[in-house]
């Protein structure tokens, strides 16, 4: 466990050096890092929940699934905008770059700061591990975040419009 905390400290305090050290790391080690740090995040989040066991399971599983899916989606964006070739390097960028969210993202109200910090570290990971140009990595990451955000916003606003319309119709009757 200590080795993972040392690695996390490296990503938080000296990400360029730490990403350089992880270029040849096996993807399974990066996956193990993500699974273990997600465990820490899930426990800390569960402590704040009304039903700690349920919160723990939901947060733990969704964090792992989200990171894997986001890695694949980000790699697709990197492929189109930056000509990235090695999916494992993109996945490692996400798994390692999400360190601030794993360790501090459970704190209410300021978790957005750690999410943004994680995005910056993911960007650094793409540059260091994938060998992408900074501009291409930034465009890839922005597109990978913006498209799902827009889609989710459209669904949410459509749902609100539907609720508002139904309430209005019921008020007229």
N, C-alpha and C. Protein backbone atom coordinates (compact mmCIF):
# COMPACT_ATOMS: atom_id res chain seq x y z
N UNK A 1 0.83 -1.20 0.00
CA UNK A 1 0.00 0.00 0.00
C UNK A 1 0.87 1.26 0.00
N UNK A 2 2.00 1.18 0.68
CA UNK A 2 2.89 2.33 0.78
C UNK A 2 3.41 2.77 -0.59
N UNK A 3 3.68 1.79 -1.45
CA UNK A 3 4.18 2.12 -2.78
C UNK A 3 3.16 2.93 -3.58
N UNK A 4 1.87 2.64 -3.37
CA UNK A 4 0.82 3.37 -4.08
C UNK A 4 0.70 4.79 -3.55
N UNK A 5 0.88 4.96 -2.26
CA UNK A 5 0.84 6.31 -1.69
C UNK A 5 2.04 7.13 -2.14
N UNK A 6 3.20 6.50 -2.26
CA UNK A 6 4.38 7.20 -2.78
C UNK A 6 4.17 7.62 -4.23
N UNK A 7 3.58 6.70 -5.00
CA UNK A 7 3.31 7.01 -6.41
C UNK A 7 2.29 8.13 -6.51
N UNK A 8 1.25 8.09 -5.67
CA UNK A 8 0.22 9.14 -5.65
C UNK A 8 0.86 10.48 -5.30
N UNK A 9 1.75 10.47 -4.33
CA UNK A 9 2.46 11.69 -3.94
C UNK A 9 3.25 12.24 -5.13
N UNK A 10 3.87 11.34 -5.89
CA UNK A 10 4.61 11.77 -7.08
C UNK A 10 3.71 12.42 -8.11
N UNK A 11 2.54 11.85 -8.35
CA UNK A 11 1.63 12.44 -9.33
C UNK A 11 1.10 13.79 -8.85
N UNK A 12 0.93 13.95 -7.55
CA UNK A 12 0.43 15.21 -7.01
C UNK A 12 1.50 16.30 -6.99
N UNK A 13 2.73 15.94 -6.64
CA UNK A 13 3.77 16.94 -6.42
C UNK A 13 4.76 17.09 -7.57
N UNK A 14 4.98 16.02 -8.32
CA UNK A 14 5.94 16.08 -9.42
C UNK A 14 5.45 15.20 -10.57
N UNK A 15 4.34 15.61 -11.20
CA UNK A 15 3.72 14.73 -12.20
C UNK A 15 4.59 14.47 -13.43
N UNK A 16 5.35 15.46 -13.89
CA UNK A 16 6.17 15.24 -15.08
C UNK A 16 7.16 14.10 -14.86
N UNK A 17 7.88 14.16 -13.75
CA UNK A 17 8.86 13.12 -13.44
C UNK A 17 8.17 11.77 -13.24
N UNK A 18 7.05 11.78 -12.52
CA UNK A 18 6.37 10.52 -12.23
C UNK A 18 5.79 9.90 -13.49
N UNK A 19 5.21 10.71 -14.37
CA UNK A 19 4.70 10.16 -15.64
C UNK A 19 5.86 9.59 -16.47
N UNK A 20 6.99 10.28 -16.49
CA UNK A 20 8.15 9.76 -17.22
C UNK A 20 8.58 8.39 -16.69
N UNK A 21 8.49 8.22 -15.37
CA UNK A 21 8.86 6.94 -14.76
C UNK A 21 7.86 5.84 -15.09
N UNK A 22 6.66 6.21 -15.47
CA UNK A 22 5.59 5.23 -15.72
C UNK A 22 5.43 4.88 -17.20
N UNK A 23 6.28 5.39 -18.07
CA UNK A 23 6.15 5.11 -19.50
C UNK A 23 6.13 3.62 -19.82
N UNK A 24 6.95 2.87 -19.14
CA UNK A 24 7.07 1.44 -19.44
C UNK A 24 6.30 0.55 -18.46
N UNK A 25 5.56 1.18 -17.57
CA UNK A 25 4.77 0.41 -16.61
C UNK A 25 3.70 -0.39 -17.34
N UNK A 26 3.52 -1.61 -16.93
CA UNK A 26 2.48 -2.48 -17.48
C UNK A 26 1.11 -1.89 -17.15
N UNK A 27 0.19 -1.99 -18.08
CA UNK A 27 -1.16 -1.46 -17.89
C UNK A 27 -1.84 -2.11 -16.68
N UNK A 28 -1.52 -3.37 -16.40
CA UNK A 28 -2.13 -4.05 -15.26
C UNK A 28 -1.71 -3.42 -13.93
N UNK A 29 -0.48 -2.91 -13.86
CA UNK A 29 -0.05 -2.20 -12.65
C UNK A 29 -0.79 -0.87 -12.51
N UNK A 30 -1.00 -0.21 -13.63
CA UNK A 30 -1.77 1.04 -13.59
C UNK A 30 -3.22 0.77 -13.21
N UNK A 31 -3.77 -0.32 -13.72
CA UNK A 31 -5.14 -0.70 -13.37
C UNK A 31 -5.23 -1.01 -11.87
N UNK A 32 -4.25 -1.72 -11.35
CA UNK A 32 -4.21 -2.04 -9.92
C UNK A 32 -4.13 -0.77 -9.08
N UNK A 33 -3.33 0.19 -9.52
CA UNK A 33 -3.22 1.49 -8.85
C UNK A 33 -4.59 2.16 -8.79
N UNK A 34 -5.28 2.18 -9.93
CA UNK A 34 -6.60 2.81 -10.00
C UNK A 34 -7.60 2.10 -9.10
N UNK A 35 -7.59 0.78 -9.10
CA UNK A 35 -8.51 -0.01 -8.28
C UNK A 35 -8.26 0.24 -6.79
N UNK A 36 -7.01 0.31 -6.39
CA UNK A 36 -6.68 0.53 -4.98
C UNK A 36 -7.02 1.95 -4.55
N UNK A 37 -6.65 2.96 -5.36
CA UNK A 37 -6.96 4.33 -4.98
C UNK A 37 -8.46 4.61 -5.05
N UNK A 38 -9.17 3.92 -5.95
CA UNK A 38 -10.64 4.04 -5.99
C UNK A 38 -11.25 3.49 -4.71
N UNK A 39 -10.61 2.49 -4.15
CA UNK A 39 -11.06 1.93 -2.88
C UNK A 39 -10.97 2.98 -1.77
N UNK A 40 -9.87 3.69 -1.73
CA UNK A 40 -9.69 4.77 -0.74
C UNK A 40 -10.78 5.82 -0.92
N UNK A 41 -10.97 6.27 -2.14
CA UNK A 41 -11.98 7.28 -2.44
C UNK A 41 -13.38 6.81 -2.06
N UNK A 42 -13.67 5.57 -2.36
CA UNK A 42 -15.00 5.01 -2.07
C UNK A 42 -15.26 4.93 -0.57
N UNK A 43 -14.26 4.53 0.18
CA UNK A 43 -14.42 4.46 1.64
C UNK A 43 -14.66 5.85 2.21
N UNK A 44 -13.88 6.82 1.77
CA UNK A 44 -14.04 8.18 2.28
C UNK A 44 -15.38 8.78 1.88
N UNK A 45 -15.84 8.49 0.68
CA UNK A 45 -17.16 8.96 0.24
C UNK A 45 -18.26 8.27 1.02
N UNK A 46 -18.12 6.98 1.27
CA UNK A 46 -19.15 6.20 1.97
C UNK A 46 -19.36 6.70 3.39
N UNK A 47 -18.30 7.20 4.02
CA UNK A 47 -18.42 7.71 5.39
C UNK A 47 -19.41 8.88 5.44
N UNK A 48 -19.51 9.62 4.33
CA UNK A 48 -20.40 10.78 4.29
C UNK A 48 -21.83 10.40 3.91
N UNK A 49 -22.04 9.18 3.45
CA UNK A 49 -23.35 8.78 2.94
C UNK A 49 -24.31 8.30 4.01
N UNK A 50 -25.60 8.33 3.67
CA UNK A 50 -26.64 7.87 4.60
C UNK A 50 -26.60 6.34 4.75
N UNK A 51 -26.29 5.64 3.67
CA UNK A 51 -26.18 4.19 3.69
C UNK A 51 -24.76 3.85 3.22
N UNK A 52 -23.81 3.82 4.14
CA UNK A 52 -22.39 3.69 3.76
C UNK A 52 -22.06 2.50 2.87
N UNK A 53 -22.65 1.34 3.13
CA UNK A 53 -22.32 0.18 2.32
C UNK A 53 -22.79 0.36 0.88
N UNK A 54 -24.01 0.84 0.70
CA UNK A 54 -24.54 1.08 -0.64
C UNK A 54 -23.73 2.15 -1.36
N UNK A 55 -23.43 3.24 -0.66
CA UNK A 55 -22.63 4.32 -1.25
C UNK A 55 -21.26 3.80 -1.66
N UNK A 56 -20.64 3.01 -0.79
CA UNK A 56 -19.33 2.45 -1.10
C UNK A 56 -19.37 1.63 -2.38
N UNK A 57 -20.31 0.70 -2.49
CA UNK A 57 -20.40 -0.18 -3.65
C UNK A 57 -20.65 0.64 -4.93
N UNK A 58 -21.59 1.57 -4.86
CA UNK A 58 -21.93 2.37 -6.04
C UNK A 58 -20.73 3.21 -6.48
N UNK A 59 -20.10 3.88 -5.53
CA UNK A 59 -18.96 4.75 -5.88
C UNK A 59 -17.79 3.92 -6.39
N UNK A 60 -17.50 2.82 -5.74
CA UNK A 60 -16.36 1.99 -6.14
C UNK A 60 -16.54 1.44 -7.56
N UNK A 61 -17.67 0.82 -7.79
CA UNK A 61 -17.91 0.22 -9.11
C UNK A 61 -17.99 1.30 -10.19
N UNK A 62 -18.72 2.38 -9.92
CA UNK A 62 -18.88 3.42 -10.94
C UNK A 62 -17.56 4.12 -11.24
N UNK A 63 -16.69 4.29 -10.25
CA UNK A 63 -15.39 4.92 -10.50
C UNK A 63 -14.55 4.06 -11.44
N UNK A 64 -14.51 2.78 -11.18
CA UNK A 64 -13.71 1.89 -12.03
C UNK A 64 -14.29 1.83 -13.45
N UNK A 65 -15.59 1.64 -13.55
CA UNK A 65 -16.24 1.56 -14.87
C UNK A 65 -16.07 2.88 -15.62
N UNK A 66 -16.31 4.00 -14.94
CA UNK A 66 -16.17 5.30 -15.58
C UNK A 66 -14.76 5.51 -16.10
N UNK A 67 -13.75 5.20 -15.29
CA UNK A 67 -12.37 5.41 -15.73
C UNK A 67 -12.01 4.57 -16.95
N UNK A 68 -12.50 3.35 -16.99
CA UNK A 68 -12.22 2.51 -18.15
C UNK A 68 -12.93 3.04 -19.39
N UNK A 69 -14.21 3.36 -19.26
CA UNK A 69 -14.96 3.87 -20.41
C UNK A 69 -14.39 5.22 -20.87
N UNK A 70 -14.10 6.10 -19.92
CA UNK A 70 -13.54 7.40 -20.29
C UNK A 70 -12.19 7.23 -20.97
N UNK A 71 -11.39 6.28 -20.52
CA UNK A 71 -10.09 6.02 -21.15
C UNK A 71 -10.25 5.64 -22.62
N UNK A 72 -11.21 4.76 -22.87
CA UNK A 72 -11.45 4.32 -24.25
C UNK A 72 -11.96 5.47 -25.11
N UNK A 73 -12.88 6.25 -24.57
CA UNK A 73 -13.44 7.40 -25.29
C UNK A 73 -12.33 8.44 -25.54
N UNK A 74 -11.53 8.71 -24.53
CA UNK A 74 -10.44 9.67 -24.68
C UNK A 74 -9.44 9.18 -25.72
N UNK A 75 -9.17 7.89 -25.73
CA UNK A 75 -8.22 7.38 -26.72
C UNK A 75 -8.76 7.59 -28.14
N UNK A 76 -10.05 7.39 -28.31
CA UNK A 76 -10.65 7.64 -29.63
C UNK A 76 -10.44 9.10 -30.03
N UNK A 77 -10.68 10.01 -29.10
CA UNK A 77 -10.45 11.44 -29.38
C UNK A 77 -8.98 11.72 -29.66
N UNK A 78 -8.11 11.11 -28.88
CA UNK A 78 -6.67 11.28 -29.09
C UNK A 78 -6.24 10.75 -30.46
N UNK A 79 -6.84 9.67 -30.86
CA UNK A 79 -6.52 9.08 -32.16
C UNK A 79 -6.88 10.05 -33.29
N UNK A 80 -8.06 10.69 -33.17
CA UNK A 80 -8.50 11.61 -34.21
C UNK A 80 -7.75 12.93 -34.19
N UNK A 81 -7.46 13.46 -33.02
CA UNK A 81 -6.89 14.80 -32.93
C UNK A 81 -5.38 14.82 -32.72
N UNK A 82 -4.81 13.72 -32.25
CA UNK A 82 -3.38 13.75 -31.95
C UNK A 82 -2.62 12.56 -32.48
N UNK A 83 -3.30 11.71 -33.19
CA UNK A 83 -2.67 10.53 -33.77
C UNK A 83 -2.05 9.61 -32.72
N UNK A 84 -2.68 9.51 -31.57
CA UNK A 84 -2.20 8.61 -30.52
C UNK A 84 -2.31 7.17 -31.01
N UNK A 85 -1.34 6.36 -30.61
CA UNK A 85 -1.32 4.99 -31.11
C UNK A 85 -1.54 3.95 -30.02
N UNK A 86 -1.02 4.17 -28.84
CA UNK A 86 -1.03 3.15 -27.80
C UNK A 86 -2.14 3.40 -26.78
N UNK A 87 -3.19 2.60 -26.85
CA UNK A 87 -4.33 2.77 -25.95
C UNK A 87 -3.91 2.59 -24.49
N UNK A 88 -2.96 1.71 -24.22
CA UNK A 88 -2.51 1.51 -22.85
C UNK A 88 -1.96 2.80 -22.24
N UNK A 89 -1.27 3.59 -23.05
CA UNK A 89 -0.72 4.85 -22.54
C UNK A 89 -1.85 5.85 -22.21
N UNK A 90 -2.89 5.85 -23.02
CA UNK A 90 -4.03 6.71 -22.73
C UNK A 90 -4.71 6.25 -21.45
N UNK A 91 -4.87 4.95 -21.30
CA UNK A 91 -5.51 4.43 -20.08
C UNK A 91 -4.66 4.76 -18.86
N UNK A 92 -3.36 4.62 -18.96
CA UNK A 92 -2.49 4.96 -17.84
C UNK A 92 -2.59 6.45 -17.51
N UNK A 93 -2.72 7.29 -18.54
CA UNK A 93 -2.89 8.73 -18.30
C UNK A 93 -4.12 9.00 -17.45
N UNK A 94 -5.21 8.30 -17.75
CA UNK A 94 -6.45 8.49 -16.99
C UNK A 94 -6.34 7.87 -15.60
N UNK A 95 -5.84 6.65 -15.52
CA UNK A 95 -5.76 5.96 -14.23
C UNK A 95 -4.86 6.73 -13.26
N UNK A 96 -3.71 7.17 -13.73
CA UNK A 96 -2.78 7.91 -12.87
C UNK A 96 -3.20 9.37 -12.71
N UNK A 97 -3.68 9.96 -13.79
CA UNK A 97 -4.05 11.38 -13.75
C UNK A 97 -5.22 11.68 -12.84
N UNK A 98 -6.02 10.69 -12.56
CA UNK A 98 -7.19 10.89 -11.69
C UNK A 98 -6.84 10.86 -10.21
N UNK A 99 -5.58 10.82 -9.88
CA UNK A 99 -5.13 10.74 -8.48
C UNK A 99 -5.76 11.81 -7.58
N UNK A 100 -5.81 13.09 -7.97
CA UNK A 100 -6.44 14.06 -7.07
C UNK A 100 -7.90 13.75 -6.76
N UNK A 101 -8.61 13.24 -7.75
CA UNK A 101 -10.01 12.89 -7.53
C UNK A 101 -10.12 11.69 -6.60
N UNK A 102 -9.24 10.70 -6.76
CA UNK A 102 -9.27 9.54 -5.88
C UNK A 102 -9.06 9.95 -4.42
N UNK A 103 -8.08 10.80 -4.20
CA UNK A 103 -7.69 11.11 -2.83
C UNK A 103 -8.49 12.24 -2.19
N UNK A 104 -8.93 13.21 -2.99
CA UNK A 104 -9.56 14.40 -2.42
C UNK A 104 -10.92 14.74 -3.02
N UNK A 105 -11.34 13.99 -4.02
CA UNK A 105 -12.61 14.28 -4.70
C UNK A 105 -13.84 13.98 -3.86
N UNK A 106 -13.69 13.34 -2.74
CA UNK A 106 -14.81 13.01 -1.86
C UNK A 106 -15.23 14.19 -1.00
N UNK A 107 -14.41 15.25 -0.97
CA UNK A 107 -14.70 16.41 -0.13
C UNK A 107 -15.80 17.25 -0.78
N UNK A 108 -16.94 17.38 -0.11
CA UNK A 108 -18.05 18.14 -0.70
C UNK A 108 -17.67 19.59 -0.99
N UNK A 109 -18.30 20.14 -1.97
CA UNK A 109 -18.20 21.55 -2.36
C UNK A 109 -16.91 21.90 -3.11
N UNK A 110 -15.79 21.29 -2.80
CA UNK A 110 -14.55 21.65 -3.48
C UNK A 110 -14.03 20.52 -4.36
N UNK A 111 -14.82 19.47 -4.49
CA UNK A 111 -14.38 18.34 -5.31
C UNK A 111 -14.17 18.74 -6.77
N UNK A 112 -14.85 19.78 -7.23
CA UNK A 112 -14.68 20.25 -8.62
C UNK A 112 -13.24 20.69 -8.86
N UNK A 113 -12.61 21.28 -7.85
CA UNK A 113 -11.22 21.71 -7.98
C UNK A 113 -10.32 20.51 -8.25
N UNK A 114 -10.57 19.41 -7.54
CA UNK A 114 -9.75 18.22 -7.70
C UNK A 114 -10.05 17.51 -9.01
N UNK A 115 -11.28 17.64 -9.50
CA UNK A 115 -11.62 17.09 -10.82
C UNK A 115 -10.88 17.85 -11.91
N UNK A 116 -10.82 19.16 -11.79
CA UNK A 116 -10.08 19.97 -12.77
C UNK A 116 -8.59 19.64 -12.70
N UNK A 117 -8.08 19.51 -11.49
CA UNK A 117 -6.68 19.14 -11.31
C UNK A 117 -6.41 17.78 -11.97
N UNK A 118 -7.33 16.86 -11.81
CA UNK A 118 -7.19 15.55 -12.45
C UNK A 118 -7.14 15.68 -13.96
N UNK A 119 -7.97 16.54 -14.53
CA UNK A 119 -7.95 16.75 -15.98
C UNK A 119 -6.60 17.30 -16.43
N UNK A 120 -6.03 18.20 -15.64
CA UNK A 120 -4.71 18.74 -15.98
C UNK A 120 -3.67 17.62 -15.95
N UNK A 121 -3.76 16.75 -14.94
CA UNK A 121 -2.81 15.64 -14.86
C UNK A 121 -3.02 14.63 -15.99
N UNK A 122 -4.26 14.39 -16.37
CA UNK A 122 -4.53 13.50 -17.51
C UNK A 122 -3.90 14.10 -18.77
N UNK A 123 -4.04 15.40 -18.94
CA UNK A 123 -3.43 16.09 -20.07
C UNK A 123 -1.91 15.90 -20.04
N UNK A 124 -1.31 16.10 -18.86
CA UNK A 124 0.15 15.90 -18.74
C UNK A 124 0.52 14.46 -19.08
N UNK A 125 -0.33 13.52 -18.66
CA UNK A 125 -0.08 12.11 -18.96
C UNK A 125 -0.10 11.84 -20.45
N UNK A 126 -1.05 12.45 -21.15
CA UNK A 126 -1.12 12.27 -22.60
C UNK A 126 0.14 12.81 -23.28
N UNK A 127 0.61 13.93 -22.79
CA UNK A 127 1.82 14.53 -23.36
C UNK A 127 3.04 13.65 -23.07
N UNK A 128 3.17 13.21 -21.83
CA UNK A 128 4.36 12.44 -21.43
C UNK A 128 4.31 10.99 -21.89
N UNK A 129 3.19 10.33 -21.67
CA UNK A 129 3.11 8.89 -21.97
C UNK A 129 2.80 8.61 -23.44
N UNK A 130 1.91 9.39 -24.00
CA UNK A 130 1.48 9.17 -25.38
C UNK A 130 2.39 9.90 -26.36
N UNK A 131 3.17 10.86 -25.84
CA UNK A 131 4.06 11.63 -26.70
C UNK A 131 3.32 12.61 -27.59
N UNK A 132 2.14 13.02 -27.16
CA UNK A 132 1.34 13.96 -27.96
C UNK A 132 1.85 15.38 -27.78
N UNK A 133 1.59 16.21 -28.77
CA UNK A 133 1.85 17.63 -28.63
C UNK A 133 0.87 18.17 -27.59
N UNK A 134 1.30 19.17 -26.84
CA UNK A 134 0.44 19.74 -25.80
C UNK A 134 -0.90 20.20 -26.35
N UNK A 135 -0.86 20.85 -27.50
CA UNK A 135 -2.09 21.37 -28.13
C UNK A 135 -3.03 20.23 -28.51
N UNK A 136 -2.49 19.18 -29.11
CA UNK A 136 -3.32 18.05 -29.53
C UNK A 136 -3.92 17.32 -28.33
N UNK A 137 -3.12 17.18 -27.28
CA UNK A 137 -3.62 16.54 -26.07
C UNK A 137 -4.74 17.37 -25.45
N UNK A 138 -4.58 18.69 -25.45
CA UNK A 138 -5.60 19.58 -24.88
C UNK A 138 -6.90 19.50 -25.69
N UNK A 139 -6.78 19.54 -27.01
CA UNK A 139 -7.98 19.45 -27.86
C UNK A 139 -8.67 18.11 -27.66
N UNK A 140 -7.91 17.04 -27.62
CA UNK A 140 -8.48 15.71 -27.41
C UNK A 140 -9.23 15.63 -26.09
N UNK A 141 -8.63 16.15 -25.05
CA UNK A 141 -9.24 16.09 -23.72
C UNK A 141 -10.48 16.98 -23.65
N UNK A 142 -10.41 18.16 -24.23
CA UNK A 142 -11.57 19.06 -24.23
C UNK A 142 -12.74 18.42 -24.96
N UNK A 143 -12.48 17.85 -26.11
CA UNK A 143 -13.55 17.19 -26.88
C UNK A 143 -14.10 15.99 -26.11
N UNK A 144 -13.21 15.21 -25.48
CA UNK A 144 -13.64 14.02 -24.74
C UNK A 144 -14.52 14.38 -23.54
N UNK A 145 -14.30 15.55 -22.98
CA UNK A 145 -15.13 16.00 -21.84
C UNK A 145 -16.37 16.74 -22.34
N UNK A 146 -16.21 17.57 -23.36
CA UNK A 146 -17.31 18.45 -23.81
C UNK A 146 -18.46 17.68 -24.44
N UNK A 147 -18.18 16.71 -25.28
CA UNK A 147 -19.26 16.00 -25.98
C UNK A 147 -20.19 15.29 -25.00
N UNK A 148 -19.68 14.49 -24.06
CA UNK A 148 -20.60 13.88 -23.09
C UNK A 148 -21.31 14.92 -22.22
N UNK A 149 -20.60 16.01 -21.87
CA UNK A 149 -21.23 17.06 -21.05
C UNK A 149 -22.40 17.70 -21.79
N UNK A 150 -22.23 17.94 -23.07
CA UNK A 150 -23.30 18.52 -23.88
C UNK A 150 -24.47 17.55 -23.98
N UNK A 151 -24.17 16.29 -24.24
CA UNK A 151 -25.24 15.28 -24.36
C UNK A 151 -26.01 15.15 -23.04
N UNK A 152 -25.30 15.09 -21.94
CA UNK A 152 -25.96 14.98 -20.63
C UNK A 152 -26.79 16.23 -20.35
N UNK A 153 -26.26 17.40 -20.70
CA UNK A 153 -27.00 18.65 -20.50
C UNK A 153 -28.29 18.68 -21.31
N UNK A 154 -28.22 18.23 -22.56
CA UNK A 154 -29.41 18.20 -23.41
C UNK A 154 -30.46 17.27 -22.82
N UNK A 155 -30.05 16.09 -22.38
CA UNK A 155 -31.00 15.16 -21.76
C UNK A 155 -31.61 15.75 -20.50
N UNK A 156 -30.77 16.36 -19.66
CA UNK A 156 -31.24 16.96 -18.41
C UNK A 156 -32.22 18.10 -18.69
N UNK A 157 -31.86 18.98 -19.63
CA UNK A 157 -32.75 20.09 -19.95
C UNK A 157 -34.05 19.61 -20.59
N UNK A 158 -33.96 18.56 -21.40
CA UNK A 158 -35.18 17.98 -22.00
C UNK A 158 -36.08 17.40 -20.92
N UNK A 159 -35.48 16.74 -19.96
CA UNK A 159 -36.24 16.19 -18.84
C UNK A 159 -36.91 17.30 -18.04
N UNK A 160 -36.17 18.37 -17.77
CA UNK A 160 -36.76 19.51 -17.05
C UNK A 160 -37.90 20.14 -17.85
N UNK A 161 -37.71 20.27 -19.15
CA UNK A 161 -38.75 20.83 -19.99
C UNK A 161 -40.00 19.95 -19.97
N UNK A 162 -39.80 18.66 -20.00
CA UNK A 162 -40.93 17.72 -19.94
C UNK A 162 -41.67 17.86 -18.61
N UNK A 163 -40.94 17.92 -17.52
CA UNK A 163 -41.57 18.08 -16.20
C UNK A 163 -42.33 19.40 -16.10
N UNK A 164 -41.70 20.46 -16.60
CA UNK A 164 -42.33 21.78 -16.56
C UNK A 164 -43.59 21.80 -17.41
N UNK A 165 -43.53 21.20 -18.58
CA UNK A 165 -44.69 21.15 -19.46
C UNK A 165 -45.82 20.37 -18.82
N UNK A 166 -45.49 19.23 -18.23
CA UNK A 166 -46.53 18.42 -17.56
C UNK A 166 -47.15 19.19 -16.40
N UNK A 167 -46.34 19.89 -15.64
CA UNK A 167 -46.86 20.68 -14.52
C UNK A 167 -47.77 21.79 -15.03
N UNK A 168 -47.38 22.41 -16.12
CA UNK A 168 -48.16 23.50 -16.70
C UNK A 168 -49.50 22.97 -17.22
N UNK A 169 -49.47 21.84 -17.90
CA UNK A 169 -50.70 21.23 -18.42
C UNK A 169 -51.65 20.85 -17.28
N UNK A 170 -51.08 20.28 -16.22
CA UNK A 170 -51.91 19.91 -15.06
C UNK A 170 -52.50 21.13 -14.40
N UNK A 171 -51.77 22.22 -14.36
CA UNK A 171 -52.28 23.45 -13.75
C UNK A 171 -53.42 24.04 -14.57
N UNK A 172 -53.38 23.85 -15.90
CA UNK A 172 -54.44 24.37 -16.77
C UNK A 172 -55.73 23.55 -16.66
N UNK A 173 -55.63 22.32 -16.26
CA UNK A 173 -56.81 21.44 -16.20
C UNK A 173 -57.60 21.66 -15.00
